[in-house]
């Protein structure tokens, strides 16, 4: 019964990749455009040196998001996103953040990155 749905699984991964990638790019480009502010924000959050971590995250979210959308080097980029969102969720939990309006979105992004890491880009990708 469900085996007929497996034919469309490539479309599911495509949708997941595009949505995840768009979210990453829309969060990454503002960080990249204002690296000085991003550096200050990362330092204030306790990620020192802020210039280093802020730049790494801005580059990963911007260009990694584009790579995920296109399906280029999906597994290694997804692994980097897994690390990023694992750190974010743990950091928010340590700060006693609430689930709702706190870290639930980051947990969803972590789950998405984990899925892309284990599944790859799918049949509808460039590589």
Protein backbone atom coordinates (compact mmCIF):
# COMPACT_ATOMS: atom_id res chain seq x y z
CA UNK A 1 0.00 0.00 0.00
CA UNK A 2 2.65 2.51 1.01
CA UNK A 3 5.25 1.21 -1.44
CA UNK A 4 3.72 3.40 -4.14
CA UNK A 5 4.60 6.44 -2.03
CA UNK A 6 8.30 5.49 -2.11
CA UNK A 7 8.36 6.57 -5.74
CA UNK A 8 7.68 10.12 -4.56
CA UNK A 9 10.22 10.09 -1.73
CA UNK A 10 12.65 12.13 -3.85
CA UNK A 11 10.06 14.89 -3.98
CA UNK A 12 9.71 14.81 -0.21
CA UNK A 13 13.46 15.24 0.26
CA UNK A 14 13.48 18.02 -2.33
CA UNK A 15 10.78 19.92 -0.45
CA UNK A 16 12.58 19.35 2.86
CA UNK A 17 15.91 20.51 1.38
CA UNK A 18 14.46 23.63 -0.22
CA UNK A 19 12.51 24.73 2.85
CA UNK A 20 15.45 24.06 5.19
CA UNK A 21 17.89 25.77 2.82
CA UNK A 22 15.69 28.84 2.42
CA UNK A 23 15.38 29.15 6.20
CA UNK A 24 19.17 28.88 6.57
CA UNK A 25 19.88 31.44 3.84
CA UNK A 26 17.35 33.93 5.22
CA UNK A 27 19.01 33.65 8.63
CA UNK A 28 22.57 33.56 7.29
CA UNK A 29 22.68 36.47 4.85
CA UNK A 30 21.82 39.14 7.45
CA UNK A 31 24.57 37.74 9.66
CA UNK A 32 26.98 37.84 6.72
CA UNK A 33 26.00 41.40 5.75
CA UNK A 34 26.63 42.64 9.31
CA UNK A 35 29.58 40.57 10.51
CA UNK A 36 30.54 43.17 13.09
CA UNK A 37 27.11 43.01 14.73
CA UNK A 38 27.09 39.23 14.42
CA UNK A 39 30.47 39.09 16.17
CA UNK A 40 29.20 41.23 19.02
CA UNK A 41 26.05 39.10 19.35
CA UNK A 42 28.06 35.88 19.48
CA UNK A 43 30.42 37.33 22.09
CA UNK A 44 27.49 38.47 24.22
CA UNK A 45 26.00 34.97 24.03
CA UNK A 46 29.29 33.57 25.31
CA UNK A 47 30.68 32.16 22.07
CA UNK A 48 34.19 33.59 22.06
CA UNK A 49 35.85 34.71 19.96
CA UNK A 50 32.64 36.13 18.55
CA UNK A 51 34.26 37.19 15.28
CA UNK A 52 35.34 33.61 14.60
CA UNK A 53 32.10 31.82 15.56
CA UNK A 54 29.86 34.49 14.08
CA UNK A 55 31.68 34.33 10.75
CA UNK A 56 31.61 30.52 10.70
CA UNK A 57 27.87 30.43 11.38
CA UNK A 58 27.13 33.20 8.87
CA UNK A 59 29.07 31.38 6.14
CA UNK A 60 27.55 28.00 6.99
CA UNK A 61 23.99 29.29 7.03
CA UNK A 62 24.41 31.38 3.87
CA UNK A 63 26.42 29.11 1.60
CA UNK A 64 25.50 25.84 3.29
CA UNK A 65 21.85 26.76 2.83
CA UNK A 66 22.44 27.30 -0.90
CA UNK A 67 24.29 23.98 -1.14
CA UNK A 68 21.43 22.18 0.61
CA UNK A 69 18.86 23.75 -1.73
CA UNK A 70 20.83 22.59 -4.76
CA UNK A 71 21.63 19.19 -3.29
CA UNK A 72 25.37 19.77 -3.47
CA UNK A 73 27.53 18.08 -0.79
CA UNK A 74 24.36 17.61 1.24
CA UNK A 75 25.66 15.04 3.72
CA UNK A 76 28.77 16.96 4.88
CA UNK A 77 26.88 20.26 5.03
CA UNK A 78 24.01 18.60 6.92
CA UNK A 79 26.59 17.24 9.40
CA UNK A 80 27.76 20.80 10.07
CA UNK A 81 24.16 21.91 10.58
CA UNK A 82 23.63 19.00 12.99
CA UNK A 83 26.55 20.26 15.06
CA UNK A 84 25.29 23.85 14.91
CA UNK A 85 21.75 23.05 16.00
CA UNK A 86 22.86 20.56 18.61
CA UNK A 87 24.93 23.35 20.17
CA UNK A 88 22.00 25.77 19.90
CA UNK A 89 19.52 23.39 21.57
CA UNK A 90 21.96 22.48 24.35
CA UNK A 91 22.84 26.16 24.87
CA UNK A 92 19.16 27.14 25.11
CA UNK A 93 18.44 24.26 27.50
CA UNK A 94 21.38 25.34 29.68
CA UNK A 95 19.92 28.85 29.75
CA UNK A 96 16.63 27.31 30.97
CA UNK A 97 14.86 28.31 27.78
CA UNK A 98 11.27 27.29 27.37
CA UNK A 99 10.18 24.79 24.76
CA UNK A 100 7.40 26.90 23.25
CA UNK A 101 8.78 30.13 21.79
CA UNK A 102 12.20 28.98 22.92
CA UNK A 103 14.00 26.05 21.39
CA UNK A 104 11.28 24.05 19.62
CA UNK A 105 12.10 25.58 16.21
CA UNK A 106 15.79 24.83 16.70
CA UNK A 107 14.90 21.24 17.60
CA UNK A 108 12.90 20.95 14.38
CA UNK A 109 15.83 22.32 12.38
CA UNK A 110 18.13 19.84 14.16
CA UNK A 111 15.79 16.98 13.22
CA UNK A 112 15.73 18.21 9.62
CA UNK A 113 19.53 18.35 9.47
CA UNK A 114 19.75 14.84 10.97
CA UNK A 115 17.28 13.58 8.36
CA UNK A 116 19.29 15.12 5.52
CA UNK A 117 22.50 13.73 7.01
CA UNK A 118 21.15 10.17 7.03
CA UNK A 119 19.05 10.38 3.85
CA UNK A 120 21.26 12.48 1.63
CA UNK A 121 19.93 14.87 -0.97
CA UNK A 122 17.63 12.39 -2.68
CA UNK A 123 17.18 11.65 -6.36
CA UNK A 124 16.21 15.21 -7.27
CA UNK A 125 19.52 16.94 -6.60
CA UNK A 126 22.53 18.10 -8.56
CA UNK A 127 24.84 15.58 -6.84
